[in-house]
Amino acid sequence: MITQQNRKTNTRLSALPLTLLALGSSPTIAASVNSAGSADSWDLIIWLVVFTATTGSAVLNIAAIRNWDRNWGLVSGLPLLGLLLWGTLILVAKQLDASTHELWALEIFAWAMINLIYMVTAMTAKRMFAKRDGEGPANS
């Protein structure tokens, strides 16, 4: 039996890859902020909002992967693969040319918002299919 404390620990560990990605991208982020001019508090606020929204959105996917059966777990994991690929593309492009992806924060924030819509759609579809499957044998 999984206790509430174990669930909290597992949830914290689930967010670890995102934290490592953020820490790994910190030099790139700092370079983009410094190249744009003086870093003021708004840059930090925007970075925190983007990081919080992205982490919260990704934790929803991670929770769905862990709690849903195999096929629905794969459906919920697809956006994480997209985030990983897009984040890698942004990091590589920023390393090659600091003037590219100047609106990277908006790109990542857009992923988080689109992911929330995607997950609501996936949860609704899962619930509809489960309800239909539950009613099917009773009608026959």
Protein backbone atom coordinates (compact mmCIF):
# COMPACT_ATOMS: atom_id res chain seq x y z
CA MET A 1 0.00 0.00 0.00
CA ILE A 2 1.39 3.36 -1.04
CA THR A 3 1.22 5.97 1.68
CA GLN A 4 0.56 9.65 1.18
CA GLN A 5 4.21 10.43 2.04
CA ASN A 6 5.48 8.02 -0.64
CA ARG A 7 3.21 9.68 -3.22
CA LYS A 8 4.59 13.11 -2.33
CA THR A 9 8.15 11.82 -2.62
CA ASN A 10 7.43 10.15 -5.95
CA THR A 11 5.84 13.34 -7.29
CA ARG A 12 8.88 15.36 -6.29
CA LEU A 13 11.16 12.86 -7.97
CA SER A 14 9.01 13.01 -11.11
CA ALA A 15 9.74 16.71 -11.49
CA LEU A 16 13.50 16.13 -11.17
CA PRO A 17 14.19 15.83 -14.94
CA LEU A 18 12.51 19.19 -15.56
CA THR A 19 14.55 20.81 -12.82
CA LEU A 20 17.75 19.38 -14.29
CA LEU A 21 16.76 20.66 -17.74
CA ALA A 22 16.17 24.13 -16.31
CA LEU A 23 19.49 24.12 -14.45
CA GLY A 24 21.30 22.86 -17.53
CA SER A 25 19.84 25.65 -19.61
CA SER A 26 20.70 28.37 -17.07
CA PRO A 27 23.92 29.47 -18.85
CA THR A 28 21.99 29.78 -22.10
CA ILE A 29 19.23 31.71 -20.37
CA ALA A 30 21.73 33.99 -18.68
CA ALA A 31 23.50 34.60 -21.99
CA SER A 32 20.25 35.52 -23.71
CA VAL A 33 19.28 37.88 -20.89
CA ASN A 34 22.72 39.52 -20.82
CA SER A 35 22.84 39.88 -24.60
CA ALA A 36 19.48 41.65 -24.59
CA GLY A 37 20.71 44.32 -22.19
CA SER A 38 20.66 44.78 -18.47
CA ALA A 39 18.84 42.06 -16.59
CA ASP A 40 16.06 43.54 -14.54
CA SER A 41 13.52 41.98 -12.25
CA TRP A 42 11.00 41.50 -15.08
CA ASP A 43 13.27 38.99 -16.79
CA LEU A 44 13.42 36.94 -13.62
CA ILE A 45 9.65 37.17 -13.11
CA ILE A 46 8.98 36.05 -16.68
CA TRP A 47 11.44 33.18 -16.33
CA LEU A 48 9.79 32.06 -13.08
CA VAL A 49 6.28 32.21 -14.59
CA VAL A 50 7.39 30.21 -17.62
CA PHE A 51 9.23 27.66 -15.50
CA THR A 52 6.31 27.28 -13.09
CA ALA A 53 3.72 26.91 -15.86
CA THR A 54 5.87 24.45 -17.77
CA THR A 55 6.66 22.37 -14.69
CA GLY A 56 3.03 22.31 -13.61
CA SER A 57 1.89 21.33 -17.07
CA ALA A 58 4.52 18.60 -17.37
CA VAL A 59 3.72 17.19 -13.92
CA LEU A 60 0.16 16.63 -15.16
CA ASN A 61 1.60 14.48 -17.97
CA ILE A 62 3.87 12.60 -15.59
CA ALA A 63 0.98 11.87 -13.23
CA ALA A 64 -1.12 10.62 -16.15
CA ILE A 65 1.69 8.35 -17.34
CA ARG A 66 1.97 6.84 -13.87
CA ASN A 67 -1.76 6.41 -13.23
CA TRP A 68 -3.25 5.57 -16.61
CA ASP A 69 -2.93 2.21 -18.34
CA ARG A 70 -0.26 1.66 -20.97
CA ASN A 71 -1.95 3.07 -24.09
CA TRP A 72 -3.37 6.15 -22.41
CA GLY A 73 -0.02 6.65 -20.67
CA LEU A 74 1.67 6.75 -24.05
CA VAL A 75 -0.88 9.29 -25.26
CA SER A 76 -0.14 11.50 -22.27
CA GLY A 77 3.62 11.16 -22.75
CA LEU A 78 3.72 12.48 -26.31
CA PRO A 79 3.75 16.17 -25.30
CA LEU A 80 6.74 15.53 -23.03
CA LEU A 81 8.63 14.16 -26.00
CA GLY A 82 7.70 17.30 -27.93
CA LEU A 83 8.93 19.50 -25.07
CA LEU A 84 12.20 17.60 -24.89
CA LEU A 85 12.79 17.92 -28.64
CA TRP A 86 11.79 21.59 -28.75
CA GLY A 87 13.89 22.43 -25.69
CA THR A 88 16.88 20.69 -27.22
CA LEU A 89 16.37 22.60 -30.47
CA ILE A 90 16.23 25.90 -28.58
CA LEU A 91 19.35 25.10 -26.55
CA VAL A 92 21.36 24.02 -29.59
CA ALA A 93 20.23 27.02 -31.63
CA LYS A 94 21.09 29.41 -28.76
CA GLN A 95 24.55 27.86 -28.46
CA LEU A 96 25.19 28.31 -32.18
CA ASP A 97 23.73 31.80 -32.50
CA ALA A 98 22.69 33.85 -29.46
CA SER A 99 20.31 35.98 -31.53
CA THR A 100 17.99 33.06 -32.38
CA HIS A 101 14.89 32.13 -30.40
CA GLU A 102 14.82 35.48 -28.62
CA LEU A 103 11.25 34.68 -27.59
CA TRP A 104 12.12 31.24 -26.22
CA ALA A 105 10.14 31.92 -23.05
CA LEU A 106 7.01 32.53 -25.12
CA GLU A 107 7.64 29.32 -27.08
CA ILE A 108 7.93 27.23 -23.93
CA PHE A 109 4.94 28.97 -22.31
CA ALA A 110 2.89 28.29 -25.44
CA TRP A 111 3.81 24.59 -25.14
CA ALA A 112 2.58 24.59 -21.54
CA MET A 113 -0.77 26.14 -22.48
CA ILE A 114 -1.28 23.89 -25.52
CA ASN A 115 -0.34 20.90 -23.37
CA LEU A 116 -3.05 21.79 -20.85
CA ILE A 117 -5.64 21.85 -23.64
CA TYR A 118 -4.27 18.55 -24.97
CA MET A 119 -4.45 16.89 -21.55
CA VAL A 120 -8.00 18.09 -20.89
CA THR A 121 -8.97 16.65 -24.28
CA ALA A 122 -7.18 13.36 -23.50
CA MET A 123 -8.83 13.11 -20.06
CA THR A 124 -12.24 13.80 -21.56
CA ALA A 125 -11.71 11.21 -24.31
CA LYS A 126 -10.48 8.65 -21.78
CA ARG A 127 -13.52 9.24 -19.61
CA MET A 128 -15.90 8.99 -22.59
CA PHE A 129 -14.33 5.72 -23.78
CA ALA A 130 -14.40 4.30 -20.25
CA LYS A 131 -18.07 5.25 -19.89
CA ARG A 132 -18.90 3.73 -23.28
CA ASP A 133 -17.00 0.54 -22.44
CA GLY A 134 -18.80 0.34 -19.11
CA GLU A 135 -22.22 0.69 -20.74
CA GLY A 136 -21.49 -1.67 -23.66
CA PRO A 137 -21.94 -5.09 -22.01
CA ALA A 138 -25.04 -3.97 -20.07
CA ASN A 139 -26.87 -3.06 -23.31
CA SER A 140 -26.09 -6.36 -25.04
